[in-house]
Each structure stands twice: as structure tokens, then as C-alpha cells.
PDB file of all heavy atoms in Angstrom:
ATOM      1  N   ILE A   1      54.352  73.147 -70.404  1.00  0.00           N
ATOM      2  CA  ILE A   1      53.491  74.317 -70.274  1.00  0.00           C
ATOM      3  C   ILE A   1      52.702  74.501 -71.554  1.00  0.00           C
ATOM      4  O   ILE A   1      53.279  74.612 -72.635  1.00  0.00           O
ATOM      5  CB  ILE A   1      54.313  75.583 -69.990  1.00  0.00           C
ATOM      6  CG1 ILE A   1      55.195  75.396 -68.758  1.00  0.00           C
ATOM      7  CG2 ILE A   1      53.386  76.780 -69.815  1.00  0.00           C
ATOM      8  CD1 ILE A   1      56.197  76.509 -68.556  1.00  0.00           C
ATOM      9  N   PHE A   2      51.401  74.570 -71.422  1.00  0.00           N
ATOM     10  CA  PHE A   2      50.567  74.878 -72.571  1.00  0.00           C
ATOM     11  C   PHE A   2      50.553  76.378 -72.826  1.00  0.00           C
ATOM     12  O   PHE A   2      50.711  76.827 -73.959  1.00  0.00           O
ATOM     13  CB  PHE A   2      49.146  74.344 -72.377  1.00  0.00           C
ATOM     14  CG  PHE A   2      48.224  74.670 -73.517  1.00  0.00           C
ATOM     15  CD1 PHE A   2      48.278  73.934 -74.687  1.00  0.00           C
ATOM     16  CD2 PHE A   2      47.318  75.710 -73.435  1.00  0.00           C
ATOM     17  CE1 PHE A   2      47.440  74.229 -75.755  1.00  0.00           C
ATOM     18  CE2 PHE A   2      46.468  76.008 -74.489  1.00  0.00           C
ATOM     19  CZ  PHE A   2      46.532  75.265 -75.651  1.00  0.00           C
ATOM     20  N   LYS A   3      50.364  77.127 -71.768  1.00  0.00           N
ATOM     21  CA  LYS A   3      50.336  78.575 -71.875  1.00  0.00           C
ATOM     22  C   LYS A   3      50.587  79.187 -70.502  1.00  0.00           C
ATOM     23  O   LYS A   3      50.084  78.696 -69.504  1.00  0.00           O
ATOM     24  CB  LYS A   3      48.989  79.053 -72.416  1.00  0.00           C
ATOM     25  CG  LYS A   3      48.877  80.559 -72.558  1.00  0.00           C
ATOM     26  CD  LYS A   3      47.486  80.961 -73.011  1.00  0.00           C
ATOM     27  CE  LYS A   3      47.358  82.466 -73.114  1.00  0.00           C
ATOM     28  NZ  LYS A   3      45.989  82.886 -73.502  1.00  0.00           N
ATOM     29  N   ILE A   4      51.354  80.267 -70.481  1.00  0.00           N
ATOM     30  CA  ILE A   4      51.550  81.034 -69.265  1.00  0.00           C
ATOM     31  C   ILE A   4      50.561  82.195 -69.258  1.00  0.00           C
ATOM     32  O   ILE A   4      50.598  83.055 -70.135  1.00  0.00           O
ATOM     33  CB  ILE A   4      52.989  81.558 -69.155  1.00  0.00           C
ATOM     34  CG1 ILE A   4      53.958  80.388 -68.998  1.00  0.00           C
ATOM     35  CG2 ILE A   4      53.113  82.531 -67.988  1.00  0.00           C
ATOM     36  CD1 ILE A   4      55.412  80.798 -68.932  1.00  0.00           C
ATOM     37  N   ASN A   5      49.679  82.209 -68.268  1.00  0.00           N
ATOM     38  CA  ASN A   5      48.688  83.269 -68.177  1.00  0.00           C
ATOM     39  C   ASN A   5      49.267  84.545 -67.581  1.00  0.00           C
ATOM     40  O   ASN A   5      48.918  85.649 -68.011  1.00  0.00           O
ATOM     41  CB  ASN A   5      47.489  82.806 -67.359  1.00  0.00           C
ATOM     42  CG  ASN A   5      46.649  81.783 -68.088  1.00  0.00           C
ATOM     43  OD1 ASN A   5      46.658  81.708 -69.316  1.00  0.00           O
ATOM     44  ND2 ASN A   5      45.913  80.978 -67.329  1.00  0.00           N
ATOM     45  N   SER A   6      50.127  84.391 -66.588  1.00  0.00           N
ATOM     46  CA  SER A   6      50.741  85.560 -65.976  1.00  0.00           C
ATOM     47  C   SER A   6      52.042  85.166 -65.309  1.00  0.00           C
ATOM     48  O   SER A   6      52.247  84.019 -64.917  1.00  0.00           O
ATOM     49  CB  SER A   6      49.803  86.214 -64.957  1.00  0.00           C
ATOM     50  OG  SER A   6      49.613  85.375 -63.841  1.00  0.00           O
ATOM     51  N   MET A   7      52.930  86.145 -65.168  1.00  0.00           N
ATOM     52  CA  MET A   7      54.179  85.982 -64.444  1.00  0.00           C
ATOM     53  C   MET A   7      54.362  87.217 -63.572  1.00  0.00           C
ATOM     54  O   MET A   7      53.920  88.311 -63.935  1.00  0.00           O
ATOM     55  CB  MET A   7      55.369  85.827 -65.390  1.00  0.00           C
ATOM     56  CG  MET A   7      55.252  84.658 -66.357  1.00  0.00           C
ATOM     57  SD  MET A   7      56.741  84.406 -67.376  1.00  0.00           S
ATOM     58  CE  MET A   7      57.833  83.609 -66.169  1.00  0.00           C
ATOM     59  N   GLY A   8      55.010  87.032 -62.443  1.00  0.00           N
ATOM     60  CA  GLY A   8      55.194  88.162 -61.570  1.00  0.00           C
ATOM     61  C   GLY A   8      56.241  87.929 -60.510  1.00  0.00           C
ATOM     62  O   GLY A   8      56.892  86.882 -60.455  1.00  0.00           O
ATOM     63  N   TRP A   9      56.400  88.946 -59.681  1.00  0.00           N
ATOM     64  CA  TRP A   9      57.359  88.923 -58.593  1.00  0.00           C
ATOM     65  C   TRP A   9      56.689  89.334 -57.296  1.00  0.00           C
ATOM     66  O   TRP A   9      55.924  90.308 -57.261  1.00  0.00           O
ATOM     67  CB  TRP A   9      58.526  89.870 -58.877  1.00  0.00           C
ATOM     68  CG  TRP A   9      59.387  89.458 -60.030  1.00  0.00           C
ATOM     69  CD1 TRP A   9      59.249  89.832 -61.327  1.00  0.00           C
ATOM     70  CD2 TRP A   9      60.510  88.584 -59.973  1.00  0.00           C
ATOM     71  NE1 TRP A   9      60.224  89.244 -62.095  1.00  0.00           N
ATOM     72  CE2 TRP A   9      61.016  88.474 -61.289  1.00  0.00           C
ATOM     73  CE3 TRP A   9      61.151  87.886 -58.947  1.00  0.00           C
ATOM     74  CZ2 TRP A   9      62.129  87.690 -61.600  1.00  0.00           C
ATOM     75  CZ3 TRP A   9      62.247  87.108 -59.254  1.00  0.00           C
ATOM     76  CH2 TRP A   9      62.723  87.017 -60.567  1.00  0.00           C
ATOM     77  N   TYR A  10      56.966  88.583 -56.256  1.00  0.00           N
ATOM     78  CA  TYR A  10      56.578  88.912 -54.899  1.00  0.00           C
ATOM     79  C   TYR A  10      57.840  89.019 -54.056  1.00  0.00           C
ATOM     80  O   TYR A  10      58.890  88.494 -54.429  1.00  0.00           O
ATOM     81  CB  TYR A  10      55.648  87.848 -54.318  1.00  0.00           C
ATOM     82  CG  TYR A  10      54.273  87.814 -54.946  1.00  0.00           C
ATOM     83  CD1 TYR A  10      54.079  87.337 -56.232  1.00  0.00           C
ATOM     84  CD2 TYR A  10      53.154  88.256 -54.237  1.00  0.00           C
ATOM     85  CE1 TYR A  10      52.824  87.303 -56.812  1.00  0.00           C
ATOM     86  CE2 TYR A  10      51.889  88.226 -54.803  1.00  0.00           C
ATOM     87  CZ  TYR A  10      51.734  87.746 -56.093  1.00  0.00           C
ATOM     88  OH  TYR A  10      50.480  87.709 -56.654  1.00  0.00           O
ATOM     89  N   ARG A  11      57.729  89.674 -52.916  1.00  0.00           N
ATOM     90  CA  ARG A  11      58.885  89.760 -52.034  1.00  0.00           C
ATOM     91  C   ARG A  11      58.447  89.620 -50.585  1.00  0.00           C
ATOM     92  O   ARG A  11      57.312  89.908 -50.228  1.00  0.00           O
ATOM     93  CB  ARG A  11      59.642  91.075 -52.230  1.00  0.00           C
ATOM     94  CG  ARG A  11      58.901  92.321 -51.769  1.00  0.00           C
ATOM     95  CD  ARG A  11      59.683  93.574 -52.145  1.00  0.00           C
ATOM     96  NE  ARG A  11      59.040  94.787 -51.661  1.00  0.00           N
ATOM     97  CZ  ARG A  11      59.434  96.016 -51.972  1.00  0.00           C
ATOM     98  NH1 ARG A  11      60.488  96.189 -52.771  1.00  0.00           N
ATOM     99  NH2 ARG A  11      58.797  97.067 -51.482  1.00  0.00           N
ATOM    100  N   GLN A  12      59.391  89.183 -49.769  1.00  0.00           N
ATOM    101  CA  GLN A  12      59.123  89.020 -48.352  1.00  0.00           C
ATOM    102  C   GLN A  12      60.358  89.426 -47.563  1.00  0.00           C
ATOM    103  O   GLN A  12      61.439  88.860 -47.739  1.00  0.00           O
ATOM    104  CB  GLN A  12      58.739  87.579 -48.026  1.00  0.00           C
ATOM    105  CG  GLN A  12      58.287  87.371 -46.596  1.00  0.00           C
ATOM    106  CD  GLN A  12      57.622  86.029 -46.384  1.00  0.00           C
ATOM    107  OE1 GLN A  12      57.849  85.084 -47.147  1.00  0.00           O
ATOM    108  NE2 GLN A  12      56.796  85.938 -45.369  1.00  0.00           N
ATOM    109  N   ALA A  13      60.177  90.413 -46.711  1.00  0.00           N
ATOM    110  CA  ALA A  13      61.222  90.861 -45.805  1.00  0.00           C
ATOM    111  C   ALA A  13      61.058  90.158 -44.464  1.00  0.00           C
ATOM    112  O   ALA A  13      59.964  89.677 -44.139  1.00  0.00           O
ATOM    113  CB  ALA A  13      61.161  92.374 -45.626  1.00  0.00           C
ATOM    114  N   PRO A  14      62.124  90.093 -43.670  1.00  0.00           N
ATOM    115  CA  PRO A  14      62.014  89.443 -42.364  1.00  0.00           C
ATOM    116  C   PRO A  14      60.892  90.035 -41.522  1.00  0.00           C
ATOM    117  O   PRO A  14      60.723  91.254 -41.456  1.00  0.00           O
ATOM    118  CB  PRO A  14      63.382  89.704 -41.729  1.00  0.00           C
ATOM    119  CG  PRO A  14      64.307  89.847 -42.888  1.00  0.00           C
ATOM    120  CD  PRO A  14      63.501  90.543 -43.946  1.00  0.00           C
ATOM    121  N   GLU A  15      60.119  89.186 -40.918  1.00  0.00           N
ATOM    122  CA  GLU A  15      59.030  89.561 -40.016  1.00  0.00           C
ATOM    123  C   GLU A  15      57.876  90.266 -40.722  1.00  0.00           C
ATOM    124  O   GLU A  15      57.018  90.864 -40.071  1.00  0.00           O
ATOM    125  CB  GLU A  15      59.542  90.441 -38.872  1.00  0.00           C
ATOM    126  CG  GLU A  15      60.741  89.868 -38.128  1.00  0.00           C
ATOM    127  CD  GLU A  15      60.439  88.540 -37.479  1.00  0.00           C
ATOM    128  OE1 GLU A  15      59.297  88.351 -37.018  1.00  0.00           O
ATOM    129  OE2 GLU A  15      61.349  87.680 -37.429  1.00  0.00           O
ATOM    130  N   LYS A  16      57.836  90.192 -42.049  1.00  0.00           N
ATOM    131  CA  LYS A  16      56.756  90.809 -42.789  1.00  0.00           C
ATOM    132  C   LYS A  16      56.093  89.794 -43.717  1.00  0.00           C
ATOM    133  O   LYS A  16      56.668  88.757 -44.046  1.00  0.00           O
ATOM    134  CB  LYS A  16      57.260  92.004 -43.599  1.00  0.00           C
ATOM    135  CG  LYS A  16      57.709  93.185 -42.754  1.00  0.00           C
ATOM    136  CD  LYS A  16      57.986  94.402 -43.598  1.00  0.00           C
ATOM    137  CE  LYS A  16      58.333  95.599 -42.749  1.00  0.00           C
ATOM    138  NZ  LYS A  16      58.568  96.808 -43.578  1.00  0.00           N
ATOM    139  N   GLN A  17      54.877  90.119 -44.140  1.00  0.00           N
ATOM    140  CA  GLN A  17      54.137  89.257 -45.045  1.00  0.00           C
ATOM    141  C   GLN A  17      54.651  89.396 -46.468  1.00  0.00           C
ATOM    142  O   GLN A  17      55.197  90.430 -46.855  1.00  0.00           O
ATOM    143  CB  GLN A  17      52.643  89.591 -44.998  1.00  0.00           C
ATOM    144  CG  GLN A  17      51.970  89.295 -43.674  1.00  0.00           C
ATOM    145  CD  GLN A  17      50.486  89.604 -43.704  1.00  0.00           C
ATOM    146  OE1 GLN A  17      50.022  90.398 -44.526  1.00  0.00           O
ATOM    147  NE2 GLN A  17      49.744  88.978 -42.817  1.00  0.00           N
ATOM    148  N   ARG A  18      54.450  88.342 -47.250  1.00  0.00           N
ATOM    149  CA  ARG A  18      54.803  88.405 -48.654  1.00  0.00           C
ATOM    150  C   ARG A  18      53.857  89.368 -49.381  1.00  0.00           C
ATOM    151  O   ARG A  18      52.640  89.351 -49.155  1.00  0.00           O
ATOM    152  CB  ARG A  18      54.726  87.006 -49.272  1.00  0.00           C
ATOM    153  CG  ARG A  18      55.249  86.934 -50.692  1.00  0.00           C
ATOM    154  CD  ARG A  18      55.342  85.487 -51.173  1.00  0.00           C
ATOM    155  NE  ARG A  18      56.268  84.700 -50.365  1.00  0.00           N
ATOM    156  CZ  ARG A  18      56.641  83.469 -50.657  1.00  0.00           C
ATOM    157  NH1 ARG A  18      56.179  82.868 -51.753  1.00  0.00           N
ATOM    158  NH2 ARG A  18      57.482  82.820 -49.857  1.00  0.00           N
ATOM    159  N   GLU A  19      54.421  90.194 -50.243  1.00  0.00           N
ATOM    160  CA  GLU A  19      53.630  91.196 -50.933  1.00  0.00           C
ATOM    161  C   GLU A  19      53.928  91.198 -52.430  1.00  0.00           C
ATOM    162  O   GLU A  19      55.021  90.839 -52.861  1.00  0.00           O
ATOM    163  CB  GLU A  19      53.898  92.593 -50.363  1.00  0.00           C
ATOM    164  CG  GLU A  19      55.325  93.076 -50.560  1.00  0.00           C
ATOM    165  CD  GLU A  19      55.559  94.491 -50.062  1.00  0.00           C
ATOM    166  OE1 GLU A  19      54.579  95.174 -49.707  1.00  0.00           O
ATOM    167  OE2 GLU A  19      56.732  94.920 -50.016  1.00  0.00           O
ATOM    168  N   LEU A  20      52.938  91.629 -53.192  1.00  0.00           N
ATOM    169  CA  LEU A  20      53.102  91.747 -54.637  1.00  0.00           C
ATOM    170  C   LEU A  20      54.059  92.888 -54.962  1.00  0.00           C
ATOM    171  O   LEU A  20      53.921  93.993 -54.451  1.00  0.00           O
ATOM    172  CB  LEU A  20      51.756  92.007 -55.310  1.00  0.00           C
ATOM    173  CG  LEU A  20      51.814  92.365 -56.798  1.00  0.00           C
ATOM    174  CD1 LEU A  20      52.228  91.143 -57.619  1.00  0.00           C
ATOM    175  CD2 LEU A  20      50.475  92.899 -57.278  1.00  0.00           C
ATOM    176  N   VAL A  21      55.010  92.612 -55.842  1.00  0.00           N
ATOM    177  CA  VAL A  21      55.891  93.640 -56.378  1.00  0.00           C
ATOM    178  C   VAL A  21      55.377  94.088 -57.739  1.00  0.00           C
ATOM    179  O   VAL A  21      55.132  95.272 -57.972  1.00  0.00           O
ATOM    180  CB  VAL A  21      57.343  93.153 -56.491  1.00  0.00           C
ATOM    181  CG1 VAL A  21      58.231  94.239 -57.090  1.00  0.00           C
ATOM    182  CG2 VAL A  21      57.870  92.718 -55.128  1.00  0.00           C
ATOM    183  N   ALA A  22      55.218  93.135 -58.651  1.00  0.00           N
ATOM    184  CA  ALA A  22      54.734  93.434 -59.991  1.00  0.00           C
ATOM    185  C   ALA A  22      54.293  92.154 -60.663  1.00  0.00           C
ATOM    186  O   ALA A  22      54.795  91.068 -60.355  1.00  0.00           O
ATOM    187  CB  ALA A  22      55.815  94.120 -60.830  1.00  0.00           C
ATOM    188  N   SER A  23      53.359  92.267 -61.594  1.00  0.00           N
ATOM    189  CA  SER A  23      52.919  91.129 -62.386  1.00  0.00           C
ATOM    190  C   SER A  23      52.585  91.590 -63.787  1.00  0.00           C
ATOM    191  O   SER A  23      52.298  92.772 -64.018  1.00  0.00           O
ATOM    192  CB  SER A  23      51.715  90.430 -61.744  1.00  0.00           C
ATOM    193  OG  SER A  23      50.578  91.274 -61.752  1.00  0.00           O
ATOM    194  N   ILE A  24      52.609  90.640 -64.715  1.00  0.00           N
ATOM    195  CA  ILE A  24      52.289  90.944 -66.104  1.00  0.00           C
ATOM    196  C   ILE A  24      51.500  89.773 -66.678  1.00  0.00           C
ATOM    197  O   ILE A  24      51.858  88.613 -66.503  1.00  0.00           O
ATOM    198  CB  ILE A  24      53.563  91.242 -66.924  1.00  0.00           C
ATOM    199  CG1 ILE A  24      53.206  91.674 -68.348  1.00  0.00           C
ATOM    200  CG2 ILE A  24      54.514  90.048 -66.927  1.00  0.00           C
ATOM    201  CD1 ILE A  24      54.387  92.289 -69.091  1.00  0.00           C
ATOM    202  N   SER A  25      50.407  90.078 -67.358  1.00  0.00           N
ATOM    203  CA  SER A  25      49.540  89.058 -67.922  1.00  0.00           C
ATOM    204  C   SER A  25      50.003  88.673 -69.318  1.00  0.00           C
ATOM    205  O   SER A  25      50.890  89.298 -69.904  1.00  0.00           O
ATOM    206  CB  SER A  25      48.098  89.554 -67.972  1.00  0.00           C
ATOM    207  OG  SER A  25      47.946  90.538 -68.974  1.00  0.00           O
ATOM    208  N   SER A  26      49.370  87.637 -69.856  1.00  0.00           N
ATOM    209  CA  SER A  26      49.703  87.208 -71.212  1.00  0.00           C
ATOM    210  C   SER A  26      49.402  88.292 -72.237  1.00  0.00           C
ATOM    211  O   SER A  26      50.043  88.340 -73.290  1.00  0.00           O
ATOM    212  CB  SER A  26      48.933  85.935 -71.567  1.00  0.00           C
ATOM    213  OG  SER A  26      47.535  86.144 -71.512  1.00  0.00           O
ATOM    214  N   GLY A  27      48.439  89.144 -71.935  1.00  0.00           N
ATOM    215  CA  GLY A  27      48.103  90.242 -72.822  1.00  0.00           C
ATOM    216  C   GLY A  27      48.958  91.477 -72.644  1.00  0.00           C
ATOM    217  O   GLY A  27      48.795  92.449 -73.388  1.00  0.00           O
ATOM    218  N   GLY A  28      49.847  91.462 -71.648  1.00  0.00           N
ATOM    219  CA  GLY A  28      50.758  92.566 -71.441  1.00  0.00           C
ATOM    220  C   GLY A  28      50.338  93.579 -70.399  1.00  0.00           C
ATOM    221  O   GLY A  28      51.067  94.544 -70.159  1.00  0.00           O
ATOM    222  N   SER A  29      49.180  93.394 -69.783  1.00  0.00           N
ATOM    223  CA  SER A  29      48.770  94.319 -68.739  1.00  0.00           C
ATOM    224  C   SER A  29      49.600  94.090 -67.483  1.00  0.00           C
ATOM    225  O   SER A  29      49.955  92.959 -67.156  1.00  0.00           O
ATOM    226  CB  SER A  29      47.286  94.173 -68.433  1.00  0.00           C
ATOM    227  OG  SER A  29      46.992  92.879 -67.950  1.00  0.00           O
ATOM    228  N   THR A  30      49.900  95.169 -66.773  1.00  0.00           N
ATOM    229  CA  THR A  30      50.795  95.098 -65.625  1.00  0.00           C
ATOM    230  C   THR A  30      50.136  95.632 -64.368  1.00  0.00           C
ATOM    231  O   THR A  30      49.220  96.462 -64.415  1.00  0.00           O
ATOM    232  CB  THR A  30      52.081  95.893 -65.881  1.00  0.00           C
ATOM    233  OG1 THR A  30      51.755  97.260 -66.168  1.00  0.00           O
ATOM    234  CG2 THR A  30      52.846  95.315 -67.063  1.00  0.00           C
ATOM    235  N   LYS A  31      50.621  95.151 -63.235  1.00  0.00           N
ATOM    236  CA  LYS A  31      50.247  95.651 -61.925  1.00  0.00           C
ATOM    237  C   LYS A  31      51.509  95.842 -61.103  1.00  0.00           C
ATOM    238  O   LYS A  31      52.454  95.071 -61.219  1.00  0.00           O
ATOM    239  CB  LYS A  31      49.302  94.685 -61.211  1.00  0.00           C
ATOM    240  CG  LYS A  31      47.942  94.508 -61.868  1.00  0.00           C
ATOM    241  CD  LYS A  31      47.078  93.550 -61.063  1.00  0.00           C
ATOM    242  CE  LYS A  31      45.713  93.372 -61.692  1.00  0.00           C
ATOM    243  NZ  LYS A  31      44.865  92.430 -60.921  1.00  0.00           N
ATOM    244  N   TYR A  32      51.498  96.881 -60.273  1.00  0.00           N
ATOM    245  CA  TYR A  32      52.639  97.169 -59.417  1.00  0.00           C
ATOM    246  C   TYR A  32      52.184  97.445 -58.002  1.00  0.00           C
ATOM    247  O   TYR A  32      51.124  98.031 -57.777  1.00  0.00           O
ATOM    248  CB  TYR A  32      53.413  98.388 -59.923  1.00  0.00           C
ATOM    249  CG  TYR A  32      54.114  98.184 -61.236  1.00  0.00           C
ATOM    250  CD1 TYR A  32      53.501  98.530 -62.436  1.00  0.00           C
ATOM    251  CD2 TYR A  32      55.400  97.648 -61.285  1.00  0.00           C
ATOM    252  CE1 TYR A  32      54.143  98.341 -63.643  1.00  0.00           C
ATOM    253  CE2 TYR A  32      56.054  97.463 -62.488  1.00  0.00           C
ATOM    254  CZ  TYR A  32      55.416  97.813 -63.669  1.00  0.00           C
ATOM    255  OH  TYR A  32      56.068  97.626 -64.868  1.00  0.00           O
ATOM    256  N   GLY A  33      53.003  97.024 -57.060  1.00  0.00           N
ATOM    257  CA  GLY A  33      52.769  97.424 -55.697  1.00  0.00           C
ATOM    258  C   GLY A  33      53.003  98.921 -55.542  1.00  0.00           C
ATOM    259  O   GLY A  33      53.846  99.506 -56.230  1.00  0.00           O
ATOM    260  N   ASP A  34      52.263  99.537 -54.634  1.00  0.00           N
ATOM    261  CA  ASP A  34      52.344 100.986 -54.480  1.00  0.00           C
ATOM    262  C   ASP A  34      53.761 101.464 -54.157  1.00  0.00           C
ATOM    263  O   ASP A  34      54.184 102.536 -54.604  1.00  0.00           O
ATOM    264  CB  ASP A  34      51.392 101.455 -53.380  1.00  0.00           C
ATOM    265  CG  ASP A  34      49.937 101.349 -53.788  1.00  0.00           C
ATOM    266  OD1 ASP A  34      49.658 101.295 -55.002  1.00  0.00           O
ATOM    267  OD2 ASP A  34      49.076 101.326 -52.888  1.00  0.00           O
ATOM    268  N   SER A  35      54.495 100.696 -53.397  1.00  0.00           N
ATOM    269  CA  SER A  35      55.808 101.123 -52.954  1.00  0.00           C
ATOM    270  C   SER A  35      56.866 101.115 -54.049  1.00  0.00           C
ATOM    271  O   SER A  35      57.944 101.691 -53.865  1.00  0.00           O
ATOM    272  CB  SER A  35      56.284 100.256 -51.784  1.00  0.00           C
ATOM    273  OG  SER A  35      56.447  98.911 -52.188  1.00  0.00           O
TER     274      SER A  35
END
């Protein structure tokens, strides 16, 4: 790995689509799913 730009978590429940849970960029900015 030269550099990791972002890391995050997704989840998938039975019979549902995969959705974003949370992510974090190399600069530390974060995103979260509404739930």
C-alpha cells in the first residue's frame, strides 16, 4: 500500500441492499449513514 485514501464500513441485512455505515478519509473527515 502506498497510501490509504479512505476506510469505512458498510453493512448488509438479509433481503436488503448494502448501505454505508461510516467512512473516514485520510484527512480525517467522516461520513455516517443517517440511521
